[in-house]
């Protein structure tokens, strides 16, 4: 079942169901992509119609953020649970290892995505990470990246370039010969070990964002989405246009 809030579709799936759907995508010989939507993405969408289109054209949209789940329930929509993007990614990567699906990593700095690749290969022995590239490139370099992906034909394309850039990039390149693409934001920072994952109690309390700020104070400027998101929820509840 799918609900629509703030002009964006969100699929009502739990983590297990999201993995099952992802396995189905990887088994089909055509392009699919997943959006892991968080409150910041909802705010971005209100000023970016291209991003709205990218989200609504995705094959699966999960609610990545406790605040988003609570807001949706507050607005009267049923939603099973939060599906954290990094957890879903790790589940899909485990599936890729077990089913021999190949992977390509795109995003972050070259050293970070390289370390993420090494750590994933240690975590999932036997996984086939066919290639990787940083998320910083000009048009000429982008052509080379696309050519490499077309040559390697990975089953899974993991894109970590931040929202909305990663979703817009994936949406523009739906003709790539991959079966599943997923935008993962700053997950490469965590997978590389440069930033540890928040403690479980902070994840469960919806405070993972605060932990990331404490570990990387430069991210504090991104907190401007909080009052904007809260106001958006309130206006939606009161039917204020």
Protein backbone atom coordinates (compact mmCIF):
# COMPACT_ATOMS: atom_id res chain seq x y z
CA UNK A 1 0.00 0.00 0.00
CA UNK A 2 1.18 3.51 -0.80
CA UNK A 3 0.25 6.77 0.91
CA UNK A 4 0.78 10.29 -0.39
CA UNK A 5 1.89 13.09 1.94
CA UNK A 6 3.31 16.51 1.08
CA UNK A 7 2.87 15.60 -2.59
CA UNK A 8 5.21 12.61 -2.24
CA UNK A 9 4.39 8.92 -2.38
CA UNK A 10 5.68 6.68 0.41
CA UNK A 11 5.31 2.91 0.39
CA UNK A 12 3.93 1.34 3.55
CA UNK A 13 6.48 -1.44 4.01
CA UNK A 14 8.56 -2.66 6.90
CA UNK A 15 12.25 -3.46 6.61
CA UNK A 16 11.70 -7.15 5.83
CA UNK A 17 9.20 -6.34 3.09
CA UNK A 18 11.51 -3.69 1.61
CA UNK A 19 14.27 -6.31 1.31
CA UNK A 20 11.86 -8.77 -0.34
CA UNK A 21 10.80 -6.12 -2.85
CA UNK A 22 14.47 -5.28 -3.51
CA UNK A 23 15.25 -8.93 -4.18
CA UNK A 24 12.45 -8.97 -6.73
CA UNK A 25 13.92 -5.89 -8.41
CA UNK A 26 17.36 -7.53 -8.60
CA UNK A 27 15.82 -10.61 -10.19
CA UNK A 28 14.23 -8.64 -13.03
CA UNK A 29 16.26 -7.64 -16.06
CA UNK A 30 15.21 -3.99 -16.08
CA UNK A 31 15.98 -0.78 -14.21
CA UNK A 32 14.45 -0.02 -10.78
CA UNK A 33 15.35 2.55 -8.16
CA UNK A 34 14.71 3.12 -4.48
CA UNK A 35 14.39 6.43 -2.63
CA UNK A 36 15.04 6.55 1.11
CA UNK A 37 13.07 9.65 2.00
CA UNK A 38 13.76 11.66 5.16
CA UNK A 39 12.27 14.91 6.59
CA UNK A 40 14.98 17.00 4.95
CA UNK A 41 14.01 15.50 1.60
CA UNK A 42 10.37 16.43 2.21
CA UNK A 43 11.41 20.05 2.75
CA UNK A 44 13.62 20.03 -0.35
CA UNK A 45 10.71 18.70 -2.41
CA UNK A 46 8.55 21.71 -1.60
CA UNK A 47 10.94 23.88 -3.63
CA UNK A 48 12.11 21.37 -6.23
CA UNK A 49 9.53 19.94 -8.63
CA UNK A 50 12.16 17.82 -10.39
CA UNK A 51 12.88 16.11 -7.09
CA UNK A 52 9.16 15.49 -6.54
CA UNK A 53 9.02 13.79 -9.95
CA UNK A 54 12.13 11.72 -9.17
CA UNK A 55 10.61 10.50 -5.91
CA UNK A 56 7.18 9.76 -7.33
CA UNK A 57 8.63 7.84 -10.28
CA UNK A 58 10.73 5.60 -8.02
CA UNK A 59 9.83 1.91 -7.77
CA UNK A 60 10.04 1.98 -3.97
CA UNK A 61 10.03 4.90 -1.51
CA UNK A 62 10.70 4.14 2.15
CA UNK A 63 10.36 6.46 5.14
CA UNK A 64 13.88 6.97 6.46
CA UNK A 65 13.48 8.99 9.63
CA UNK A 66 11.57 8.61 12.88
CA UNK A 67 10.30 12.18 12.58
CA UNK A 68 8.86 11.43 9.17
CA UNK A 69 7.09 8.30 10.42
CA UNK A 70 5.63 10.19 13.38
CA UNK A 71 4.52 13.06 11.15
CA UNK A 72 2.76 10.72 8.74
CA UNK A 73 0.95 8.99 11.58
CA UNK A 74 0.05 12.38 13.09
CA UNK A 75 -1.54 13.27 9.76
CA UNK A 76 -3.69 10.16 9.94
CA UNK A 77 -1.86 7.87 7.52
CA UNK A 78 -0.92 4.33 8.48
CA UNK A 79 2.79 3.53 8.27
CA UNK A 80 4.35 0.34 9.60
CA UNK A 81 7.80 1.54 10.60
CA UNK A 82 10.89 3.52 9.74
CA UNK A 83 13.16 1.84 7.21
CA UNK A 84 16.60 3.36 7.73
CA UNK A 85 18.45 3.77 4.45
CA UNK A 86 21.73 2.39 5.72
CA UNK A 87 20.03 -0.67 7.23
CA UNK A 88 18.20 -1.37 3.99
CA UNK A 89 21.44 -0.92 2.07
CA UNK A 90 23.27 -3.41 4.28
CA UNK A 91 20.42 -5.90 3.88
CA UNK A 92 20.56 -5.52 0.10
CA UNK A 93 24.35 -5.88 0.08
CA UNK A 94 24.04 -9.08 2.11
CA UNK A 95 21.54 -10.30 -0.46
CA UNK A 96 23.95 -9.40 -3.26
CA UNK A 97 26.67 -11.46 -1.60
CA UNK A 98 24.36 -14.46 -1.13
CA UNK A 99 22.87 -14.30 -4.65
CA UNK A 100 26.08 -13.29 -6.49
CA UNK A 101 24.72 -9.91 -7.62
CA UNK A 102 27.47 -7.44 -8.53
CA UNK A 103 27.72 -3.93 -7.03
CA UNK A 104 29.01 -0.51 -8.09
CA UNK A 105 29.61 2.28 -5.56
CA UNK A 106 29.34 5.93 -6.64
CA UNK A 107 29.70 8.89 -4.30
CA UNK A 108 31.61 10.72 -1.58
CA UNK A 109 35.38 11.38 -1.77
CA UNK A 110 37.64 8.86 -3.48
CA UNK A 111 39.35 7.85 -0.23
CA UNK A 112 36.05 7.43 1.61
CA UNK A 113 34.32 5.31 -1.04
CA UNK A 114 37.51 3.25 -1.39
CA UNK A 115 37.57 2.56 2.36
CA UNK A 116 33.85 1.78 2.27
CA UNK A 117 34.51 -0.80 -0.46
CA UNK A 118 37.26 -2.46 1.59
CA UNK A 119 35.12 -2.55 4.74
CA UNK A 120 32.16 -3.99 2.86
CA UNK A 121 34.35 -6.71 1.37
CA UNK A 122 35.48 -7.58 4.91
CA UNK A 123 31.92 -7.51 6.22
CA UNK A 124 30.47 -9.54 3.35
CA UNK A 125 33.20 -11.99 2.26
CA UNK A 126 32.76 -12.97 -1.36
CA UNK A 127 30.73 -9.90 -2.36
CA UNK A 128 31.48 -8.71 -5.90
CA UNK A 129 32.03 -4.96 -5.82
CA UNK A 130 32.81 -4.58 -9.48
CA UNK A 131 33.79 -0.89 -9.37
CA UNK A 132 33.60 2.41 -7.55
CA UNK A 133 34.09 6.13 -8.15
CA UNK A 134 33.89 9.32 -6.13
CA UNK A 135 30.84 11.53 -6.36
CA UNK A 136 32.86 14.54 -7.49
CA UNK A 137 33.16 14.72 -11.26
CA UNK A 138 32.72 17.08 -14.19
CA UNK A 139 30.81 16.27 -17.35
CA UNK A 140 33.82 14.67 -19.05
CA UNK A 141 34.48 12.42 -16.06
CA UNK A 142 30.78 11.60 -15.79
CA UNK A 143 30.83 10.22 -19.33
CA UNK A 144 33.68 7.91 -18.32
CA UNK A 145 31.75 6.76 -15.23
CA UNK A 146 28.68 5.99 -17.33
CA UNK A 147 30.82 4.10 -19.84
CA UNK A 148 32.35 2.05 -17.02
CA UNK A 149 28.94 1.20 -15.57
CA UNK A 150 27.71 0.24 -19.04
CA UNK A 151 30.74 -2.03 -19.44
CA UNK A 152 30.51 -3.64 -15.98
CA UNK A 153 26.70 -3.94 -15.93
CA UNK A 154 26.45 -4.18 -12.13
CA UNK A 155 23.20 -5.50 -10.71
CA UNK A 156 23.18 -2.90 -7.91
CA UNK A 157 24.22 0.75 -8.19
CA UNK A 158 24.70 2.52 -4.85
CA UNK A 159 24.75 6.31 -5.17
CA UNK A 160 25.84 8.46 -2.22
CA UNK A 161 25.82 12.08 -3.37
CA UNK A 162 23.31 13.59 -0.99
CA UNK A 163 19.66 14.48 -1.49
CA UNK A 164 18.37 15.61 -3.99
CA UNK A 165 21.46 15.31 -6.21
CA UNK A 166 21.62 11.52 -6.03
CA UNK A 167 17.91 11.00 -6.83
CA UNK A 168 18.03 13.43 -9.73
CA UNK A 169 21.17 11.72 -11.09
CA UNK A 170 19.61 8.27 -10.82
CA UNK A 171 16.38 9.47 -12.43
CA UNK A 172 18.29 10.98 -15.36
CA UNK A 173 20.19 7.74 -15.96
CA UNK A 174 17.40 5.19 -15.92
CA UNK A 175 18.76 3.77 -19.17
CA UNK A 176 21.84 2.39 -17.40
CA UNK A 177 22.21 -1.41 -17.56
CA UNK A 178 21.64 -1.98 -13.83
CA UNK A 179 18.72 -3.70 -12.16
CA UNK A 180 18.52 -1.63 -8.99
CA UNK A 181 19.83 1.79 -7.96
CA UNK A 182 19.51 3.29 -4.50
CA UNK A 183 20.43 6.70 -3.10
CA UNK A 184 22.15 6.44 0.28
CA UNK A 185 23.13 10.00 1.25
CA UNK A 186 26.10 10.03 3.63
CA UNK A 187 26.15 6.28 4.23
CA UNK A 188 29.62 5.93 2.72
CA UNK A 189 30.96 8.05 5.61
CA UNK A 190 29.61 5.45 8.03
CA UNK A 191 30.61 2.43 5.93
CA UNK A 192 34.15 3.77 5.56
CA UNK A 193 34.47 4.15 9.34
CA UNK A 194 35.12 7.89 9.19
CA UNK A 195 31.89 8.51 11.16
CA UNK A 196 30.56 5.79 13.50
CA UNK A 197 26.89 4.84 13.53
CA UNK A 198 24.85 6.38 16.32
CA UNK A 199 24.12 4.21 19.38
CA UNK A 200 20.96 2.13 19.09
CA UNK A 201 19.11 4.18 21.69
CA UNK A 202 19.69 7.34 19.65
CA UNK A 203 18.53 5.60 16.48
CA UNK A 204 15.38 4.39 18.22
CA UNK A 205 14.71 7.86 19.69
CA UNK A 206 15.03 9.62 16.35
CA UNK A 207 18.23 11.36 17.45
CA UNK A 208 20.62 9.90 14.90
CA UNK A 209 20.77 13.31 13.20
CA UNK A 210 22.02 14.86 16.48
CA UNK A 211 24.77 12.26 16.74
CA UNK A 212 25.91 13.06 13.21
CA UNK A 213 26.02 16.77 14.14
CA UNK A 214 28.11 16.05 17.24
CA UNK A 215 30.54 14.02 15.16
CA UNK A 216 30.60 16.51 12.28
CA UNK A 217 29.68 20.04 13.52
CA UNK A 218 29.84 21.43 9.97
CA UNK A 219 26.52 19.69 9.35
CA UNK A 220 24.75 22.01 11.80
CA UNK A 221 23.80 24.40 9.00
CA UNK A 222 21.55 21.67 7.62
CA UNK A 223 19.33 21.83 10.71
CA UNK A 224 17.33 24.62 9.10
CA UNK A 225 15.03 21.91 7.74
CA UNK A 226 13.68 21.15 11.25
CA UNK A 227 11.44 24.22 11.73
CA UNK A 228 10.46 24.10 8.05
CA UNK A 229 9.41 20.48 8.33
CA UNK A 230 7.51 21.11 11.58
CA UNK A 231 5.64 24.03 10.02
CA UNK A 232 4.83 21.94 6.94
CA UNK A 233 3.35 19.19 9.11
CA UNK A 234 1.30 21.66 11.14
CA UNK A 235 -0.06 23.40 8.05
CA UNK A 236 -0.97 20.06 6.53
CA UNK A 237 -2.79 19.03 9.72
CA UNK A 238 -4.74 22.29 9.74
CA UNK A 239 -5.35 22.17 5.96
CA UNK A 240 -3.57 25.49 5.49
CA UNK A 241 -2.32 25.96 1.92
